[in-house]
Amino acid sequence: QVQLVESGGGLVQPGGSLRLSCKVSGIAFNAYRLGWYRQAPGKQRELVAAISSEGNTNYRDSVKGRFSISKDINNNTVYLQMNSLKPEDTATYYCNALRLFSASNFWGQGTQVTVSL
């Protein structure tokens, strides 16, 4: 059974930091592109950051220099370090595992991040 379990969300003030974690089980962890997406109310889900099986990373422009994605292959966990958070980062954040050129695409249940005074 494939499971992606996110944790680490919460309420933080503008300028603060959070680290999201996603524990992955049931798949060959390092064979997948791992990503963090977010979805704010009334908006489409968008890719925030991704890390390939080779460790290459990419970020959406609005988070470059503030967010960092990483993975621990020994613990099958992917992280999203978020610094200098802004109110516009408020959203539900979802972990994703995608095996390229296949139909294997898995999602976590989401974790809420709220940036507010």
Protein backbone atom coordinates (compact mmCIF):
# COMPACT_ATOMS: atom_id res chain seq x y z
CA GLN A 1 0.00 0.00 0.00
CA VAL A 2 1.39 3.36 -1.06
CA GLN A 3 1.37 6.07 1.58
CA LEU A 4 2.61 9.64 1.56
CA VAL A 5 2.17 11.24 4.98
CA GLU A 6 2.88 14.94 5.37
CA SER A 7 3.61 16.75 8.60
CA GLY A 8 5.02 20.05 9.76
CA GLY A 9 2.34 22.50 8.74
CA GLY A 10 0.93 25.14 11.03
CA LEU A 11 0.46 28.81 11.74
CA VAL A 12 3.46 31.08 11.42
CA GLN A 13 4.00 34.83 11.32
CA PRO A 14 5.25 36.56 8.17
CA GLY A 15 9.01 36.18 7.94
CA GLY A 16 8.95 32.93 9.86
CA SER A 17 10.00 29.43 8.86
CA LEU A 18 8.49 25.96 8.68
CA ARG A 19 9.80 22.60 7.55
CA LEU A 20 7.39 20.19 5.95
CA SER A 21 8.12 16.47 5.90
CA CYS A 22 6.62 13.72 3.77
CA LYS A 23 7.24 10.11 4.75
CA VAL A 24 6.84 7.81 1.74
CA SER A 25 6.20 4.09 1.86
CA GLY A 26 5.12 1.36 -0.53
CA ILE A 27 7.10 2.54 -3.58
CA ALA A 28 10.69 2.54 -4.76
CA PHE A 29 11.41 5.94 -3.24
CA ASN A 30 14.40 6.91 -5.34
CA ALA A 31 12.75 5.93 -8.62
CA TYR A 32 10.26 8.79 -8.33
CA ARG A 33 10.30 12.51 -8.87
CA LEU A 34 9.15 13.95 -5.54
CA GLY A 35 7.36 17.24 -5.38
CA TRP A 36 5.54 19.67 -3.17
CA TYR A 37 2.41 21.31 -4.50
CA ARG A 38 0.10 23.81 -2.88
CA GLN A 39 -3.47 24.86 -3.30
CA ALA A 40 -5.04 27.99 -1.87
CA PRO A 41 -8.84 28.38 -1.62
CA GLY A 42 -10.34 29.17 -5.00
CA LYS A 43 -7.06 28.58 -6.83
CA GLN A 44 -5.56 25.75 -8.84
CA ARG A 45 -3.02 23.41 -7.36
CA GLU A 46 0.49 24.54 -8.31
CA LEU A 47 3.93 23.00 -8.21
CA VAL A 48 6.13 24.60 -5.57
CA ALA A 49 9.30 22.52 -5.79
CA ALA A 50 10.44 19.16 -7.08
CA ILE A 51 13.47 16.92 -6.79
CA SER A 52 14.30 14.29 -9.36
CA SER A 53 15.55 10.79 -8.72
CA GLU A 54 19.03 12.13 -9.55
CA GLY A 55 18.67 14.95 -7.03
CA ASN A 56 18.07 17.81 -9.45
CA THR A 57 15.75 20.45 -8.07
CA ASN A 58 13.42 23.05 -9.52
CA TYR A 59 11.27 25.73 -7.94
CA ARG A 60 8.50 28.06 -8.93
CA ASP A 61 9.80 31.61 -9.28
CA SER A 62 7.91 33.01 -6.30
CA VAL A 63 9.69 30.72 -3.82
CA LYS A 64 13.21 30.72 -5.26
CA GLY A 65 15.73 31.71 -2.63
CA ARG A 66 13.24 31.12 0.19
CA PHE A 67 12.28 27.44 -0.10
CA SER A 68 14.50 24.40 -0.35
CA ILE A 69 13.51 20.83 -1.20
CA SER A 70 15.60 17.86 -0.13
CA LYS A 71 15.26 14.14 0.39
CA ASP A 72 16.64 11.50 2.72
CA ILE A 73 16.82 8.22 0.83
CA ASN A 74 17.70 6.29 3.99
CA ASN A 75 14.43 7.35 5.61
CA ASN A 76 12.25 7.64 2.49
CA THR A 77 11.38 11.21 3.42
CA VAL A 78 11.20 14.39 1.38
CA TYR A 79 11.40 17.80 3.01
CA LEU A 80 10.44 21.35 2.16
CA GLN A 81 12.26 24.00 4.16
CA MET A 82 10.33 27.25 3.92
CA ASN A 83 11.95 30.48 5.07
CA SER A 84 10.88 34.12 4.90
CA LEU A 85 7.27 33.05 4.65
CA LYS A 86 4.72 35.46 3.25
CA PRO A 87 0.93 35.60 3.61
CA GLU A 88 0.64 34.56 -0.03
CA ASP A 89 2.31 31.24 0.85
CA THR A 90 -0.81 30.31 2.79
CA ALA A 91 -2.23 27.11 1.31
CA THR A 92 -2.65 23.41 1.78
CA TYR A 93 0.63 21.76 0.82
CA TYR A 94 0.63 18.33 -0.81
CA CYS A 95 3.41 15.84 -1.28
CA ASN A 96 3.57 14.08 -4.65
CA ALA A 97 5.47 11.10 -6.02
CA LEU A 98 5.56 10.77 -9.79
CA ARG A 99 7.27 8.09 -11.80
CA LEU A 100 8.00 9.64 -15.16
CA PHE A 101 6.70 7.87 -18.30
CA SER A 102 4.31 5.78 -16.23
CA ALA A 103 0.87 6.05 -14.69
CA SER A 104 2.29 5.97 -11.18
CA ASN A 105 1.33 9.23 -9.52
CA PHE A 106 0.63 9.40 -5.79
CA TRP A 107 -0.50 12.15 -3.41
CA GLY A 108 -0.46 12.79 0.28
CA GLN A 109 -3.44 14.06 2.23
CA GLY A 110 -2.09 17.60 2.58
CA THR A 111 -0.95 19.79 5.43
CA GLN A 112 -2.16 23.33 6.07
CA VAL A 113 0.27 26.23 6.16
CA THR A 114 -1.07 29.57 7.32
CA VAL A 115 1.10 32.69 7.32
CA SER A 116 -0.55 35.44 9.32
CA LEU A 117 -0.03 37.89 12.16
